[in-house]
């Protein structure tokens, strides 16, 4: 049976950045105070989840690219919505640059992410995306609890972005 290449690194990156586009719109939907203070059932405020996403994505990729194992640190200096969005926007091109430095041939290679998660690199990258989807879902719940309609969960596009990749 012939193997079919379903998704390449370029399409994986487009998919990831599509999720980031949607998550950014979720951040934007929050009122400033609630972004940093509102929580349900003992979960963290959404701003803390966003700080985690920024740190895990960028530092995780840096670790993979440089073959370095460092613990993560979610204590980022973003204390306003404007600063948090700026941090999010700074991370976007870093993710583009870093992911492009990882050859697809390395994807099956085992890497000890943050000194805690020993998995193939592709699974680490999928974790970054899954972690974001998970926390974005929590953000959706927070927005609804605040009486705010979240963005459509399926609309990950921005002006001019299309999800067309190299399909085999």
N, C-alpha and C. Protein backbone atom coordinates (compact mmCIF):
# COMPACT_ATOMS: atom_id res chain seq x y z
N UNK A 1 0.84 -1.17 0.00
CA UNK A 1 0.00 0.00 0.00
C UNK A 1 0.89 1.25 0.00
N UNK A 2 0.58 2.17 -0.87
CA UNK A 2 1.35 3.41 -0.98
C UNK A 2 0.97 4.37 0.15
N UNK A 3 2.01 4.94 0.79
CA UNK A 3 1.76 5.95 1.83
C UNK A 3 1.41 7.27 1.15
N UNK A 4 0.48 7.97 1.73
CA UNK A 4 0.09 9.28 1.22
C UNK A 4 0.46 10.32 2.26
N UNK A 5 1.18 11.32 1.83
CA UNK A 5 1.57 12.43 2.70
C UNK A 5 0.34 13.33 2.86
N UNK A 6 -0.24 13.37 4.05
CA UNK A 6 -1.49 14.09 4.27
C UNK A 6 -1.25 15.57 4.59
N UNK A 7 -0.28 15.85 5.45
CA UNK A 7 -0.02 17.23 5.84
C UNK A 7 1.48 17.44 5.95
N UNK A 8 1.95 18.53 5.37
CA UNK A 8 3.37 18.84 5.47
C UNK A 8 3.56 19.96 6.50
N UNK A 9 4.81 20.32 6.75
CA UNK A 9 5.10 21.32 7.77
C UNK A 9 4.48 22.67 7.43
N UNK A 10 4.43 23.03 6.16
CA UNK A 10 3.86 24.32 5.76
C UNK A 10 2.36 24.37 6.08
N UNK A 11 1.66 23.29 5.80
CA UNK A 11 0.22 23.25 6.09
C UNK A 11 -0.03 23.16 7.60
N UNK A 12 0.84 22.44 8.30
CA UNK A 12 0.74 22.37 9.76
C UNK A 12 0.86 23.78 10.35
N UNK A 13 1.81 24.56 9.85
CA UNK A 13 2.01 25.92 10.32
C UNK A 13 0.80 26.80 10.00
N UNK A 14 0.26 26.69 8.79
CA UNK A 14 -0.95 27.46 8.44
C UNK A 14 -2.11 27.11 9.36
N UNK A 15 -2.27 25.83 9.64
CA UNK A 15 -3.33 25.38 10.53
C UNK A 15 -3.14 25.98 11.92
N UNK A 16 -1.92 25.89 12.44
CA UNK A 16 -1.60 26.43 13.76
C UNK A 16 -1.86 27.93 13.81
N UNK A 17 -1.38 28.65 12.78
CA UNK A 17 -1.58 30.09 12.78
C UNK A 17 -3.06 30.45 12.63
N UNK A 18 -3.83 29.60 11.96
CA UNK A 18 -5.27 29.80 11.91
C UNK A 18 -5.88 29.72 13.30
N UNK A 19 -5.44 28.74 14.08
CA UNK A 19 -5.90 28.65 15.48
C UNK A 19 -5.47 29.88 16.27
N UNK A 20 -4.26 30.35 16.03
CA UNK A 20 -3.79 31.55 16.73
C UNK A 20 -4.63 32.77 16.36
N UNK A 21 -5.03 32.87 15.09
CA UNK A 21 -5.89 33.98 14.67
C UNK A 21 -7.19 33.99 15.48
N UNK A 22 -7.78 32.82 15.61
CA UNK A 22 -9.04 32.71 16.36
C UNK A 22 -8.81 33.01 17.84
N UNK A 23 -7.77 32.47 18.41
CA UNK A 23 -7.49 32.72 19.83
C UNK A 23 -7.26 34.21 20.07
N UNK A 24 -6.61 34.88 19.15
CA UNK A 24 -6.40 36.33 19.30
C UNK A 24 -7.75 37.06 19.37
N UNK A 25 -8.69 36.64 18.54
CA UNK A 25 -10.01 37.28 18.56
C UNK A 25 -10.73 37.00 19.89
N UNK A 26 -10.47 35.84 20.49
CA UNK A 26 -11.05 35.55 21.81
C UNK A 26 -10.45 36.50 22.84
N UNK A 27 -9.13 36.70 22.80
CA UNK A 27 -8.49 37.65 23.73
C UNK A 27 -9.11 39.03 23.56
N UNK A 28 -9.25 39.47 22.30
CA UNK A 28 -9.81 40.79 22.02
C UNK A 28 -11.23 40.95 22.56
N UNK A 29 -11.99 39.86 22.61
CA UNK A 29 -13.39 39.93 23.02
C UNK A 29 -13.56 40.20 24.52
N UNK A 30 -12.53 39.93 25.30
CA UNK A 30 -12.62 40.11 26.75
C UNK A 30 -12.53 41.58 27.15
N UNK A 31 -13.36 42.01 28.09
CA UNK A 31 -13.11 43.31 28.72
C UNK A 31 -11.81 43.21 29.53
N UNK A 32 -11.09 44.31 29.64
CA UNK A 32 -9.77 44.32 30.29
C UNK A 32 -9.78 43.67 31.67
N UNK A 33 -10.64 44.12 32.54
CA UNK A 33 -10.65 43.62 33.93
C UNK A 33 -10.91 42.12 33.98
N UNK A 34 -11.91 41.67 33.23
CA UNK A 34 -12.28 40.25 33.26
C UNK A 34 -11.21 39.36 32.64
N UNK A 35 -10.48 39.88 31.68
CA UNK A 35 -9.39 39.12 31.07
C UNK A 35 -8.38 38.67 32.12
N UNK A 36 -8.13 39.53 33.11
CA UNK A 36 -7.11 39.26 34.13
C UNK A 36 -7.66 38.75 35.45
N UNK A 37 -8.98 38.88 35.66
CA UNK A 37 -9.52 38.53 36.97
C UNK A 37 -10.62 37.47 36.95
N UNK A 38 -11.41 37.40 35.90
CA UNK A 38 -12.57 36.51 35.89
C UNK A 38 -12.14 35.05 35.80
N UNK A 39 -12.80 34.21 36.60
CA UNK A 39 -12.56 32.76 36.50
C UNK A 39 -13.83 32.03 36.93
N UNK A 40 -13.87 30.79 36.60
CA UNK A 40 -15.00 29.92 36.96
C UNK A 40 -14.43 28.66 37.60
N UNK A 41 -15.02 28.26 38.70
CA UNK A 41 -14.68 26.98 39.31
C UNK A 41 -13.23 26.81 39.68
N UNK A 42 -12.57 27.89 40.01
CA UNK A 42 -11.17 27.79 40.42
C UNK A 42 -10.18 27.73 39.27
N UNK A 43 -10.66 27.80 38.02
CA UNK A 43 -9.72 27.85 36.89
C UNK A 43 -9.03 29.22 36.88
N UNK A 44 -7.92 29.29 36.21
CA UNK A 44 -7.17 30.54 36.11
C UNK A 44 -7.89 31.56 35.23
N UNK A 45 -7.60 32.84 35.43
CA UNK A 45 -8.11 33.84 34.48
C UNK A 45 -7.55 33.55 33.08
N UNK A 46 -8.28 33.98 32.07
CA UNK A 46 -7.87 33.69 30.70
C UNK A 46 -6.50 34.29 30.37
N UNK A 47 -6.19 35.46 30.91
CA UNK A 47 -4.87 36.07 30.65
C UNK A 47 -3.75 35.13 31.07
N UNK A 48 -3.91 34.43 32.19
CA UNK A 48 -2.87 33.49 32.63
C UNK A 48 -2.74 32.32 31.66
N UNK A 49 -3.86 31.89 31.10
CA UNK A 49 -3.82 30.81 30.11
C UNK A 49 -3.10 31.28 28.85
N UNK A 50 -3.36 32.53 28.45
CA UNK A 50 -2.71 33.09 27.26
C UNK A 50 -1.21 33.20 27.48
N UNK A 51 -0.79 33.64 28.66
CA UNK A 51 0.65 33.71 28.97
C UNK A 51 1.28 32.32 28.84
N UNK A 52 0.56 31.31 29.33
CA UNK A 52 1.06 29.93 29.19
C UNK A 52 1.23 29.57 27.72
N UNK A 53 0.22 29.87 26.91
CA UNK A 53 0.28 29.52 25.48
C UNK A 53 1.47 30.19 24.81
N UNK A 54 1.67 31.48 25.09
CA UNK A 54 2.81 32.20 24.49
C UNK A 54 4.11 31.53 24.89
N UNK A 55 4.27 31.25 26.18
CA UNK A 55 5.52 30.67 26.68
C UNK A 55 5.75 29.27 26.14
N UNK A 56 4.73 28.43 26.22
CA UNK A 56 4.89 27.04 25.79
C UNK A 56 5.22 26.99 24.30
N UNK A 57 4.51 27.77 23.49
CA UNK A 57 4.73 27.72 22.04
C UNK A 57 6.13 28.20 21.66
N UNK A 58 6.48 29.39 22.10
CA UNK A 58 7.76 29.98 21.67
C UNK A 58 8.94 29.27 22.33
N UNK A 59 8.91 29.14 23.65
CA UNK A 59 10.05 28.50 24.31
C UNK A 59 10.14 27.01 23.99
N UNK A 60 9.00 26.37 23.79
CA UNK A 60 9.01 24.97 23.38
C UNK A 60 9.69 24.78 22.04
N UNK A 61 9.32 25.64 21.07
CA UNK A 61 9.97 25.55 19.75
C UNK A 61 11.45 25.90 19.82
N UNK A 62 11.79 26.92 20.62
CA UNK A 62 13.21 27.26 20.78
C UNK A 62 13.99 26.07 21.32
N UNK A 63 13.42 25.39 22.29
CA UNK A 63 14.08 24.22 22.85
C UNK A 63 14.31 23.15 21.80
N UNK A 64 13.29 22.89 20.99
CA UNK A 64 13.42 21.88 19.94
C UNK A 64 14.47 22.30 18.91
N UNK A 65 14.39 23.53 18.43
CA UNK A 65 15.32 24.02 17.42
C UNK A 65 16.77 23.96 17.93
N UNK A 66 16.97 24.41 19.17
CA UNK A 66 18.33 24.49 19.72
C UNK A 66 18.75 23.25 20.49
N UNK A 67 17.87 22.25 20.56
CA UNK A 67 18.13 21.02 21.32
C UNK A 67 18.52 21.32 22.76
N UNK A 68 17.78 22.24 23.38
CA UNK A 68 18.02 22.60 24.78
C UNK A 68 16.78 22.28 25.59
N UNK A 69 17.00 21.86 26.81
CA UNK A 69 15.90 21.50 27.69
C UNK A 69 15.88 22.47 28.86
N UNK A 70 14.89 23.34 28.87
CA UNK A 70 14.73 24.34 29.93
C UNK A 70 13.33 24.22 30.50
N UNK A 71 13.15 24.44 31.80
CA UNK A 71 11.79 24.45 32.35
C UNK A 71 11.02 25.65 31.81
N UNK A 72 9.69 25.53 31.78
CA UNK A 72 8.89 26.65 31.29
C UNK A 72 8.60 27.63 32.41
N UNK A 73 8.25 28.86 32.01
CA UNK A 73 7.95 29.91 32.97
C UNK A 73 6.78 30.72 32.41
N UNK A 74 5.63 30.61 33.06
CA UNK A 74 4.44 31.31 32.58
C UNK A 74 4.32 32.71 33.16
N UNK A 75 5.28 33.13 33.96
CA UNK A 75 5.21 34.46 34.58
C UNK A 75 5.75 35.51 33.61
N UNK A 76 4.94 35.84 32.63
CA UNK A 76 5.34 36.83 31.63
C UNK A 76 4.82 38.21 32.06
N UNK A 77 5.54 39.27 31.71
CA UNK A 77 5.22 40.62 32.20
C UNK A 77 4.11 41.34 31.42
N UNK A 78 3.00 40.66 31.21
CA UNK A 78 1.89 41.27 30.49
C UNK A 78 0.76 41.52 31.49
N UNK A 79 0.55 42.79 31.83
CA UNK A 79 -0.42 43.13 32.87
C UNK A 79 -1.58 43.97 32.35
N UNK A 80 -1.60 44.22 31.04
CA UNK A 80 -2.72 44.91 30.40
C UNK A 80 -3.12 44.11 29.17
N UNK A 81 -4.32 44.33 28.72
CA UNK A 81 -4.79 43.65 27.50
C UNK A 81 -3.91 44.04 26.31
N UNK A 82 -3.56 45.32 26.23
CA UNK A 82 -2.70 45.79 25.15
C UNK A 82 -1.35 45.07 25.15
N UNK A 83 -0.75 44.94 26.32
CA UNK A 83 0.55 44.26 26.43
C UNK A 83 0.42 42.78 26.10
N UNK A 84 -0.67 42.15 26.55
CA UNK A 84 -0.89 40.73 26.27
C UNK A 84 -1.04 40.50 24.76
N UNK A 85 -1.83 41.35 24.10
CA UNK A 85 -1.99 41.23 22.65
C UNK A 85 -0.67 41.49 21.92
N UNK A 86 0.11 42.44 22.42
CA UNK A 86 1.42 42.71 21.81
C UNK A 86 2.33 41.49 21.95
N UNK A 87 2.31 40.85 23.13
CA UNK A 87 3.10 39.63 23.33
C UNK A 87 2.64 38.51 22.41
N UNK A 88 1.32 38.40 22.25
CA UNK A 88 0.75 37.40 21.34
C UNK A 88 1.24 37.66 19.92
N UNK A 89 1.18 38.93 19.51
CA UNK A 89 1.58 39.29 18.15
C UNK A 89 3.08 39.12 17.93
N UNK A 90 3.90 39.35 18.96
CA UNK A 90 5.34 39.12 18.85
C UNK A 90 5.63 37.63 18.67
N UNK A 91 4.84 36.79 19.31
CA UNK A 91 5.08 35.34 19.23
C UNK A 91 4.78 34.78 17.85
N UNK A 92 3.83 35.39 17.13
CA UNK A 92 3.39 34.84 15.85
C UNK A 92 4.53 34.68 14.84
N UNK A 93 5.31 35.72 14.54
CA UNK A 93 6.41 35.51 13.59
C UNK A 93 7.53 34.63 14.15
N UNK A 94 7.67 34.63 15.48
CA UNK A 94 8.68 33.74 16.08
C UNK A 94 8.30 32.28 15.82
N UNK A 95 7.02 31.96 15.95
CA UNK A 95 6.56 30.60 15.69
C UNK A 95 6.82 30.25 14.23
N UNK A 96 6.50 31.18 13.32
CA UNK A 96 6.77 30.95 11.89
C UNK A 96 8.23 30.62 11.66
N UNK A 97 9.11 31.46 12.19
CA UNK A 97 10.55 31.30 11.98
C UNK A 97 11.07 30.01 12.61
N UNK A 98 10.66 29.75 13.85
CA UNK A 98 11.18 28.58 14.56
C UNK A 98 10.70 27.28 13.94
N UNK A 99 9.41 27.19 13.62
CA UNK A 99 8.90 25.93 13.06
C UNK A 99 9.58 25.62 11.73
N UNK A 100 9.85 26.66 10.95
CA UNK A 100 10.51 26.44 9.65
C UNK A 100 11.94 25.95 9.80
N UNK A 101 12.51 26.09 10.99
CA UNK A 101 13.88 25.61 11.24
C UNK A 101 13.93 24.13 11.63
N UNK A 102 12.78 23.52 11.78
CA UNK A 102 12.75 22.10 12.17
C UNK A 102 12.45 21.27 10.92
N UNK A 103 13.43 20.56 10.40
CA UNK A 103 13.18 19.74 9.22
C UNK A 103 12.16 18.63 9.54
N UNK A 104 11.30 18.34 8.59
CA UNK A 104 10.29 17.30 8.79
C UNK A 104 10.92 15.97 9.17
N UNK A 105 12.14 15.73 8.74
CA UNK A 105 12.84 14.49 9.08
C UNK A 105 13.05 14.36 10.59
N UNK A 106 13.05 15.49 11.30
CA UNK A 106 13.22 15.45 12.76
C UNK A 106 11.92 15.17 13.49
N UNK A 107 10.78 15.28 12.84
CA UNK A 107 9.49 15.14 13.51
C UNK A 107 9.35 13.85 14.31
N UNK A 108 9.85 12.70 13.85
CA UNK A 108 9.73 11.48 14.66
C UNK A 108 10.73 11.40 15.81
N UNK A 109 11.73 12.27 15.82
CA UNK A 109 12.78 12.26 16.84
C UNK A 109 12.19 12.59 18.22
N UNK A 110 12.63 11.85 19.23
CA UNK A 110 12.16 12.09 20.59
C UNK A 110 12.86 13.30 21.17
N UNK A 111 12.08 14.15 21.85
CA UNK A 111 12.62 15.34 22.50
C UNK A 111 11.97 15.48 23.87
N UNK A 112 12.78 15.83 24.87
CA UNK A 112 12.30 15.98 26.23
C UNK A 112 11.86 17.44 26.46
N UNK A 113 10.64 17.75 26.09
CA UNK A 113 10.11 19.11 26.16
C UNK A 113 10.04 19.59 27.60
N UNK A 114 10.70 20.72 27.87
CA UNK A 114 10.74 21.34 29.20
C UNK A 114 11.27 20.40 30.28
N UNK A 115 11.98 19.35 29.87
CA UNK A 115 12.52 18.40 30.83
C UNK A 115 11.44 17.53 31.46
N UNK A 116 10.23 17.53 30.88
CA UNK A 116 9.12 16.79 31.49
C UNK A 116 8.37 15.87 30.53
N UNK A 117 8.38 16.20 29.25
CA UNK A 117 7.52 15.47 28.31
C UNK A 117 8.38 14.86 27.20
N UNK A 118 8.69 13.60 27.34
CA UNK A 118 9.54 12.89 26.39
C UNK A 118 8.64 12.30 25.30
N UNK A 119 8.63 12.97 24.14
CA UNK A 119 7.75 12.57 23.04
C UNK A 119 8.41 12.90 21.70
N UNK A 120 7.91 12.30 20.63
CA UNK A 120 8.38 12.72 19.31
C UNK A 120 8.08 14.22 19.09
N UNK A 121 8.92 14.88 18.36
CA UNK A 121 8.78 16.32 18.11
C UNK A 121 7.41 16.65 17.54
N UNK A 122 6.91 15.84 16.61
CA UNK A 122 5.59 16.12 16.02
C UNK A 122 4.51 16.10 17.10
N UNK A 123 4.64 15.22 18.08
CA UNK A 123 3.65 15.18 19.16
C UNK A 123 3.78 16.40 20.07
N UNK A 124 5.00 16.90 20.25
CA UNK A 124 5.18 18.15 21.00
C UNK A 124 4.50 19.30 20.28
N UNK A 125 4.68 19.39 18.97
CA UNK A 125 4.04 20.46 18.19
C UNK A 125 2.52 20.31 18.24
N UNK A 126 2.03 19.09 18.12
CA UNK A 126 0.59 18.88 18.23
C UNK A 126 0.08 19.26 19.62
N UNK A 127 0.91 19.03 20.64
CA UNK A 127 0.54 19.45 22.00
C UNK A 127 0.38 20.97 22.06
N UNK A 128 1.29 21.72 21.44
CA UNK A 128 1.18 23.18 21.45
C UNK A 128 -0.17 23.61 20.89
N UNK A 129 -0.57 22.99 19.78
CA UNK A 129 -1.84 23.34 19.13
C UNK A 129 -3.01 22.88 19.99
N UNK A 130 -2.96 21.65 20.49
CA UNK A 130 -4.05 21.13 21.34
C UNK A 130 -4.21 21.94 22.62
N UNK A 131 -3.10 22.35 23.22
CA UNK A 131 -3.13 23.16 24.43
C UNK A 131 -3.87 24.48 24.16
N UNK A 132 -3.59 25.07 23.01
CA UNK A 132 -4.25 26.32 22.66
C UNK A 132 -5.76 26.11 22.45
N UNK A 133 -6.13 25.06 21.75
CA UNK A 133 -7.55 24.77 21.52
C UNK A 133 -8.25 24.55 22.86
N UNK A 134 -7.62 23.80 23.75
CA UNK A 134 -8.18 23.52 25.07
C UNK A 134 -8.43 24.82 25.84
N UNK A 135 -7.41 25.67 25.92
CA UNK A 135 -7.56 26.92 26.68
C UNK A 135 -8.51 27.89 25.97
N UNK A 136 -8.51 27.89 24.66
CA UNK A 136 -9.45 28.75 23.94
C UNK A 136 -10.88 28.34 24.27
N UNK A 137 -11.12 27.05 24.40
CA UNK A 137 -12.45 26.56 24.80
C UNK A 137 -12.83 27.09 26.17
N UNK A 138 -11.87 27.14 27.09
CA UNK A 138 -12.15 27.72 28.40
C UNK A 138 -12.48 29.21 28.25
N UNK A 139 -11.76 29.89 27.37
CA UNK A 139 -12.05 31.30 27.12
C UNK A 139 -13.45 31.50 26.56
N UNK A 140 -13.90 30.59 25.69
CA UNK A 140 -15.26 30.65 25.15
C UNK A 140 -16.28 30.56 26.29
N UNK A 141 -16.05 29.63 27.21
CA UNK A 141 -16.96 29.46 28.35
C UNK A 141 -16.99 30.74 29.19
N UNK A 142 -15.82 31.31 29.46
CA UNK A 142 -15.75 32.55 30.23
C UNK A 142 -16.54 33.66 29.53
N UNK A 143 -16.32 33.81 28.22
CA UNK A 143 -17.03 34.86 27.50
C UNK A 143 -18.55 34.67 27.60
N UNK A 144 -19.01 33.44 27.39
CA UNK A 144 -20.45 33.18 27.49
C UNK A 144 -20.97 33.48 28.90
N UNK A 145 -20.19 33.12 29.92
CA UNK A 145 -20.60 33.40 31.30
C UNK A 145 -20.68 34.91 31.56
N UNK A 146 -19.88 35.67 30.81
CA UNK A 146 -19.90 37.12 30.94
C UNK A 146 -20.97 37.77 30.05
N UNK A 147 -21.72 36.94 29.30
CA UNK A 147 -22.75 37.46 28.41
C UNK A 147 -22.19 38.00 27.10
N UNK A 148 -20.99 37.56 26.74
CA UNK A 148 -20.33 38.01 25.50
C UNK A 148 -20.32 36.86 24.50
N UNK A 149 -20.77 37.13 23.29
CA UNK A 149 -20.76 36.12 22.22
C UNK A 149 -19.33 35.93 21.73
N UNK A 150 -18.78 34.71 21.84
CA UNK A 150 -17.42 34.49 21.34
C UNK A 150 -17.42 34.44 19.81
N UNK A 151 -16.25 34.56 19.20
CA UNK A 151 -16.18 34.41 17.74
C UNK A 151 -16.59 33.00 17.34
N UNK A 152 -16.99 32.83 16.09
CA UNK A 152 -17.34 31.49 15.60
C UNK A 152 -16.12 30.58 15.76
N UNK A 153 -16.30 29.42 16.38
CA UNK A 153 -15.18 28.52 16.65
C UNK A 153 -14.54 27.98 15.39
N UNK A 154 -15.26 27.98 14.29
CA UNK A 154 -14.76 27.38 13.04
C UNK A 154 -14.08 28.40 12.14
N UNK A 155 -14.13 29.67 12.47
CA UNK A 155 -13.56 30.71 11.60
C UNK A 155 -12.16 31.07 12.07
N UNK A 156 -11.18 30.39 11.50
CA UNK A 156 -9.79 30.61 11.88
C UNK A 156 -9.06 31.48 10.88
N UNK A 157 -9.78 32.08 9.96
CA UNK A 157 -9.13 32.84 8.89
C UNK A 157 -8.96 34.30 9.27
N UNK A 158 -8.05 34.96 8.58
CA UNK A 158 -7.92 36.41 8.59
C UNK A 158 -7.95 36.84 7.13
N UNK A 159 -8.11 38.11 6.92
CA UNK A 159 -8.15 38.64 5.55
C UNK A 159 -6.98 38.10 4.73
N UNK A 160 -7.28 37.43 3.63
CA UNK A 160 -6.24 36.95 2.73
C UNK A 160 -5.66 35.60 3.08
N UNK A 161 -6.04 35.01 4.22
CA UNK A 161 -5.49 33.71 4.60
C UNK A 161 -6.43 32.61 4.16
N UNK A 162 -5.92 31.66 3.44
CA UNK A 162 -6.70 30.51 3.02
C UNK A 162 -6.00 29.25 3.49
N UNK A 163 -6.76 28.25 3.80
CA UNK A 163 -6.19 26.99 4.28
C UNK A 163 -5.94 26.06 3.10
N UNK A 164 -5.23 26.52 2.08
CA UNK A 164 -4.91 25.63 0.97
C UNK A 164 -3.46 25.22 1.07
N UNK A 165 -3.24 23.95 1.16
CA UNK A 165 -1.89 23.44 1.32
C UNK A 165 -1.53 22.53 0.18
N UNK A 166 -0.46 21.80 0.36
CA UNK A 166 0.00 20.85 -0.64
C UNK A 166 -0.59 19.49 -0.32
N UNK A 167 -1.74 19.20 -0.89
CA UNK A 167 -2.39 17.92 -0.64
C UNK A 167 -1.84 16.90 -1.61
N UNK A 168 -1.52 15.73 -1.09
CA UNK A 168 -0.97 14.65 -1.93
C UNK A 168 -2.08 13.96 -2.69
